[in-house]
Amino acid sequence: MKYLPVSVYTNGSDCTMNGVSFTHADKLVVPCEDGFLSLDDVTDRGYAILELEDSNLRGAPPHFKQAGRKGWNMFGGNYVSTSDSRFSRKYGWSPIAVHDRYEG
């Protein structure tokens, strides 16, 4: 699998309670078949991987969450996207919410 770096869009305050979109804001990647980073690149450079997850609410769009993280997650106010056309081909043109707030 290859990966593509993404940028975090935020309102300026951290409502994630130190979620991955806050702690790794400049080091987030998403899976993308034609991305340019390998898993070794991601690991060596300290990137955090986001994975797309379907919402459990009918009609709600899918969101990203931290790969491998278990437990109830919720939206902390941040979105990710990139101007790289490979992202829009795979995930669409709109920024996607990151559910990286965990409580309890």
N, C-alpha and C. Protein backbone atom coordinates (compact mmCIF):
# COMPACT_ATOMS: atom_id res chain seq x y z
N MET A 1 0.85 -1.18 0.00
CA MET A 1 0.00 0.00 0.00
C MET A 1 0.88 1.23 0.00
N LYS A 2 0.43 2.24 -0.68
CA LYS A 2 1.11 3.54 -0.71
C LYS A 2 0.27 4.55 0.06
N TYR A 3 0.87 5.67 0.40
CA TYR A 3 0.20 6.68 1.22
C TYR A 3 0.45 8.07 0.65
N LEU A 4 -0.47 8.97 1.01
CA LEU A 4 -0.42 10.35 0.56
C LEU A 4 -0.54 11.27 1.77
N PRO A 5 0.35 12.25 1.94
CA PRO A 5 0.24 13.20 3.05
C PRO A 5 -0.99 14.11 2.88
N VAL A 6 -1.59 14.49 3.98
CA VAL A 6 -2.74 15.39 3.96
C VAL A 6 -2.51 16.54 4.93
N SER A 7 -3.25 17.61 4.72
CA SER A 7 -3.21 18.79 5.60
C SER A 7 -4.43 18.81 6.49
N VAL A 8 -4.26 19.36 7.68
CA VAL A 8 -5.37 19.48 8.65
C VAL A 8 -5.99 20.86 8.53
N TYR A 9 -7.30 20.89 8.47
CA TYR A 9 -8.06 22.14 8.49
C TYR A 9 -8.76 22.22 9.83
N THR A 10 -8.50 23.31 10.56
CA THR A 10 -9.01 23.45 11.92
C THR A 10 -9.56 24.86 12.13
N ASN A 11 -10.31 25.03 13.20
CA ASN A 11 -10.83 26.36 13.52
C ASN A 11 -9.88 27.13 14.44
N GLY A 12 -8.73 26.54 14.73
CA GLY A 12 -7.75 27.24 15.54
C GLY A 12 -7.66 26.80 16.98
N SER A 13 -8.62 26.02 17.45
CA SER A 13 -8.55 25.51 18.82
C SER A 13 -8.63 23.99 18.79
N ASP A 14 -8.07 23.35 19.80
CA ASP A 14 -8.06 21.89 19.83
C ASP A 14 -9.25 21.36 20.62
N CYS A 15 -10.22 20.83 19.91
CA CYS A 15 -11.36 20.19 20.55
C CYS A 15 -11.24 18.66 20.47
N THR A 16 -10.07 18.18 20.03
CA THR A 16 -9.87 16.74 19.90
C THR A 16 -9.38 16.10 21.19
N MET A 17 -9.03 16.91 22.17
CA MET A 17 -8.42 16.42 23.40
C MET A 17 -7.13 15.67 23.08
N ASN A 18 -6.25 16.33 22.30
CA ASN A 18 -4.96 15.79 21.88
C ASN A 18 -5.08 14.58 20.96
N GLY A 19 -6.06 14.64 20.07
CA GLY A 19 -6.21 13.61 19.05
C GLY A 19 -5.10 13.69 18.02
N VAL A 20 -5.05 12.69 17.15
CA VAL A 20 -3.96 12.59 16.18
C VAL A 20 -3.93 13.77 15.21
N SER A 21 -5.07 14.38 14.91
CA SER A 21 -5.05 15.54 14.00
C SER A 21 -4.47 16.78 14.67
N PHE A 22 -4.30 16.74 15.97
CA PHE A 22 -3.63 17.82 16.71
C PHE A 22 -2.17 17.47 16.95
N THR A 23 -1.91 16.27 17.45
CA THR A 23 -0.54 15.89 17.80
C THR A 23 0.34 15.62 16.58
N HIS A 24 -0.26 15.20 15.47
CA HIS A 24 0.49 14.89 14.25
C HIS A 24 0.00 15.74 13.07
N ALA A 25 -0.40 16.95 13.32
CA ALA A 25 -1.02 17.79 12.28
C ALA A 25 -0.17 17.90 11.02
N ASP A 26 1.14 17.88 11.16
CA ASP A 26 2.00 17.98 9.98
C ASP A 26 2.55 16.63 9.53
N LYS A 27 2.04 15.54 10.12
CA LYS A 27 2.53 14.20 9.78
C LYS A 27 1.39 13.19 9.71
N LEU A 28 0.40 13.49 8.87
CA LEU A 28 -0.73 12.58 8.66
C LEU A 28 -0.73 12.10 7.22
N VAL A 29 -1.05 10.83 7.03
CA VAL A 29 -1.16 10.25 5.70
C VAL A 29 -2.44 9.43 5.60
N VAL A 30 -2.91 9.26 4.36
CA VAL A 30 -4.07 8.41 4.08
C VAL A 30 -3.66 7.39 3.01
N PRO A 31 -4.29 6.21 3.04
CA PRO A 31 -3.98 5.22 2.01
C PRO A 31 -4.39 5.73 0.63
N CYS A 32 -3.53 5.50 -0.35
CA CYS A 32 -3.81 5.91 -1.73
C CYS A 32 -2.93 5.05 -2.64
N GLU A 33 -3.57 4.23 -3.48
CA GLU A 33 -2.84 3.27 -4.31
C GLU A 33 -1.71 3.92 -5.11
N ASP A 34 -1.93 5.13 -5.60
CA ASP A 34 -0.89 5.78 -6.39
C ASP A 34 -0.18 6.90 -5.63
N GLY A 35 -0.18 6.80 -4.29
CA GLY A 35 0.56 7.75 -3.47
C GLY A 35 2.06 7.54 -3.65
N PHE A 36 2.86 8.40 -3.05
CA PHE A 36 4.30 8.34 -3.25
C PHE A 36 5.08 7.91 -2.01
N LEU A 37 4.40 7.66 -0.89
CA LEU A 37 5.08 7.21 0.32
C LEU A 37 4.79 5.73 0.55
N SER A 38 5.83 4.96 0.83
CA SER A 38 5.66 3.55 1.17
C SER A 38 5.42 3.42 2.68
N LEU A 39 5.06 2.23 3.13
CA LEU A 39 4.87 2.01 4.56
C LEU A 39 6.19 2.25 5.30
N ASP A 40 7.31 1.88 4.71
CA ASP A 40 8.60 2.15 5.34
C ASP A 40 8.85 3.65 5.48
N ASP A 41 8.51 4.44 4.45
CA ASP A 41 8.64 5.89 4.53
C ASP A 41 7.81 6.45 5.68
N VAL A 42 6.57 5.98 5.76
CA VAL A 42 5.64 6.45 6.79
C VAL A 42 6.18 6.13 8.18
N THR A 43 6.65 4.91 8.37
CA THR A 43 7.17 4.48 9.66
C THR A 43 8.45 5.23 10.02
N ASP A 44 9.37 5.31 9.07
CA ASP A 44 10.66 5.98 9.33
C ASP A 44 10.50 7.46 9.65
N ARG A 45 9.53 8.12 9.05
CA ARG A 45 9.35 9.56 9.23
C ARG A 45 8.37 9.92 10.35
N GLY A 46 7.80 8.93 11.01
CA GLY A 46 6.92 9.18 12.16
C GLY A 46 5.52 9.66 11.80
N TYR A 47 5.05 9.32 10.61
CA TYR A 47 3.70 9.70 10.21
C TYR A 47 2.66 8.85 10.92
N ALA A 48 1.48 9.39 11.10
CA ALA A 48 0.33 8.64 11.63
C ALA A 48 -0.61 8.37 10.44
N ILE A 49 -1.15 7.17 10.40
CA ILE A 49 -2.02 6.76 9.30
C ILE A 49 -3.48 6.93 9.69
N LEU A 50 -4.23 7.54 8.80
CA LEU A 50 -5.68 7.65 8.96
C LEU A 50 -6.34 6.64 8.03
N GLU A 51 -7.44 6.07 8.48
CA GLU A 51 -8.20 5.15 7.63
C GLU A 51 -9.64 5.62 7.56
N LEU A 52 -10.25 5.40 6.40
CA LEU A 52 -11.63 5.81 6.19
C LEU A 52 -12.56 4.81 6.85
N GLU A 53 -13.55 5.32 7.55
CA GLU A 53 -14.51 4.48 8.26
C GLU A 53 -15.92 4.96 7.94
N ASP A 54 -16.81 4.03 7.66
CA ASP A 54 -18.21 4.38 7.44
C ASP A 54 -18.84 4.82 8.74
N SER A 55 -19.75 5.78 8.66
CA SER A 55 -20.45 6.26 9.84
C SER A 55 -21.45 5.21 10.31
N ASN A 56 -21.71 5.19 11.60
CA ASN A 56 -22.75 4.31 12.12
C ASN A 56 -24.11 5.00 12.14
N LEU A 57 -24.17 6.23 11.64
CA LEU A 57 -25.43 6.96 11.54
C LEU A 57 -25.89 6.95 10.09
N ARG A 58 -27.11 6.54 9.87
CA ARG A 58 -27.61 6.45 8.50
C ARG A 58 -27.59 7.82 7.83
N GLY A 59 -27.02 7.85 6.63
CA GLY A 59 -26.97 9.08 5.85
C GLY A 59 -25.77 9.96 6.12
N ALA A 60 -25.03 9.69 7.18
CA ALA A 60 -23.84 10.50 7.48
C ALA A 60 -22.68 10.04 6.61
N PRO A 61 -21.83 10.97 6.17
CA PRO A 61 -20.71 10.59 5.31
C PRO A 61 -19.63 9.82 6.08
N PRO A 62 -18.79 9.09 5.38
CA PRO A 62 -17.66 8.43 6.05
C PRO A 62 -16.69 9.46 6.61
N HIS A 63 -15.86 9.03 7.53
CA HIS A 63 -14.89 9.91 8.16
C HIS A 63 -13.57 9.15 8.33
N PHE A 64 -12.51 9.89 8.61
CA PHE A 64 -11.23 9.27 8.91
C PHE A 64 -11.09 9.07 10.41
N LYS A 65 -10.36 8.02 10.77
CA LYS A 65 -9.97 7.79 12.16
C LYS A 65 -8.55 7.27 12.15
N GLN A 66 -7.89 7.29 13.29
CA GLN A 66 -6.52 6.81 13.37
C GLN A 66 -6.49 5.30 13.17
N ALA A 67 -5.66 4.84 12.26
CA ALA A 67 -5.56 3.41 11.96
C ALA A 67 -5.13 2.64 13.20
N GLY A 68 -5.80 1.55 13.46
CA GLY A 68 -5.45 0.68 14.58
C GLY A 68 -6.00 1.10 15.92
N ARG A 69 -6.56 2.28 16.03
CA ARG A 69 -7.08 2.76 17.31
C ARG A 69 -8.47 2.18 17.54
N LYS A 70 -8.68 1.57 18.68
CA LYS A 70 -9.96 0.95 19.03
C LYS A 70 -10.72 1.85 20.00
N GLY A 71 -12.01 1.67 20.05
CA GLY A 71 -12.83 2.42 20.99
C GLY A 71 -13.74 3.40 20.29
N TRP A 72 -14.60 4.01 21.05
CA TRP A 72 -15.56 4.97 20.54
C TRP A 72 -14.84 6.26 20.18
N ASN A 73 -14.99 6.69 18.94
CA ASN A 73 -14.36 7.93 18.52
C ASN A 73 -15.43 8.91 18.07
N MET A 74 -15.08 10.18 18.11
CA MET A 74 -16.03 11.20 17.70
C MET A 74 -15.29 12.35 17.03
N PHE A 75 -16.05 13.20 16.38
CA PHE A 75 -15.51 14.35 15.66
C PHE A 75 -14.96 15.38 16.63
N GLY A 76 -13.71 15.77 16.43
CA GLY A 76 -13.08 16.76 17.29
C GLY A 76 -12.98 18.13 16.66
N GLY A 77 -13.54 18.31 15.46
CA GLY A 77 -13.57 19.62 14.83
C GLY A 77 -12.62 19.80 13.66
N ASN A 78 -11.77 18.82 13.37
CA ASN A 78 -10.79 18.96 12.30
C ASN A 78 -11.16 18.15 11.07
N TYR A 79 -10.69 18.63 9.94
CA TYR A 79 -10.88 17.96 8.65
C TYR A 79 -9.51 17.78 8.00
N VAL A 80 -9.42 16.85 7.06
CA VAL A 80 -8.19 16.70 6.28
C VAL A 80 -8.51 16.69 4.79
N SER A 81 -7.54 17.14 4.03
CA SER A 81 -7.62 17.13 2.57
C SER A 81 -6.24 17.49 2.05
N THR A 82 -6.11 17.54 0.74
CA THR A 82 -4.90 18.02 0.09
C THR A 82 -5.27 18.47 -1.32
N SER A 83 -4.47 19.32 -1.88
CA SER A 83 -4.74 19.76 -3.24
C SER A 83 -4.27 18.74 -4.27
N ASP A 84 -3.61 17.69 -3.83
CA ASP A 84 -3.13 16.64 -4.72
C ASP A 84 -4.33 15.92 -5.35
N SER A 85 -4.37 15.86 -6.65
CA SER A 85 -5.54 15.27 -7.35
C SER A 85 -5.73 13.79 -7.05
N ARG A 86 -4.70 13.13 -6.58
CA ARG A 86 -4.85 11.72 -6.22
C ARG A 86 -5.81 11.56 -5.06
N PHE A 87 -5.82 12.52 -4.14
CA PHE A 87 -6.76 12.48 -3.01
C PHE A 87 -8.19 12.63 -3.52
N SER A 88 -8.44 13.61 -4.38
CA SER A 88 -9.80 13.85 -4.85
C SER A 88 -10.31 12.71 -5.70
N ARG A 89 -9.44 12.04 -6.45
CA ARG A 89 -9.88 10.88 -7.23
C ARG A 89 -10.35 9.75 -6.33
N LYS A 90 -9.70 9.57 -5.19
CA LYS A 90 -10.05 8.46 -4.29
C LYS A 90 -11.14 8.85 -3.29
N TYR A 91 -11.07 10.06 -2.74
CA TYR A 91 -11.94 10.43 -1.62
C TYR A 91 -12.94 11.53 -1.93
N GLY A 92 -12.88 12.15 -3.09
CA GLY A 92 -13.79 13.24 -3.42
C GLY A 92 -13.15 14.59 -3.21
N TRP A 93 -13.88 15.63 -3.58
CA TRP A 93 -13.34 17.00 -3.58
C TRP A 93 -13.43 17.71 -2.24
N SER A 94 -14.26 17.25 -1.34
CA SER A 94 -14.47 17.96 -0.07
C SER A 94 -13.53 17.45 1.02
N PRO A 95 -13.12 18.32 1.93
CA PRO A 95 -12.37 17.85 3.10
C PRO A 95 -13.21 16.83 3.88
N ILE A 96 -12.54 15.92 4.54
CA ILE A 96 -13.22 14.84 5.26
C ILE A 96 -12.94 14.98 6.75
N ALA A 97 -13.99 14.82 7.54
CA ALA A 97 -13.88 14.93 9.00
C ALA A 97 -12.97 13.85 9.56
N VAL A 98 -12.25 14.22 10.63
CA VAL A 98 -11.42 13.26 11.35
C VAL A 98 -12.06 13.02 12.71
N HIS A 99 -12.38 11.77 12.99
CA HIS A 99 -12.94 11.40 14.28
C HIS A 99 -11.79 10.88 15.14
N ASP A 100 -11.16 11.79 15.87
CA ASP A 100 -10.00 11.42 16.67
C ASP A 100 -10.12 11.89 18.13
N ARG A 101 -11.31 12.14 18.54
CA ARG A 101 -11.55 12.48 19.94
C ARG A 101 -12.05 11.23 20.64
N TYR A 102 -11.33 10.81 21.66
CA TYR A 102 -11.69 9.61 22.43
C TYR A 102 -11.90 10.02 23.87
N GLU A 103 -12.97 9.57 24.46
CA GLU A 103 -13.25 9.86 25.87
C GLU A 103 -13.54 8.56 26.59
N GLY A 104 -13.16 8.54 27.85
CA GLY A 104 -13.50 7.40 28.71
C GLY A 104 -12.69 6.20 28.58
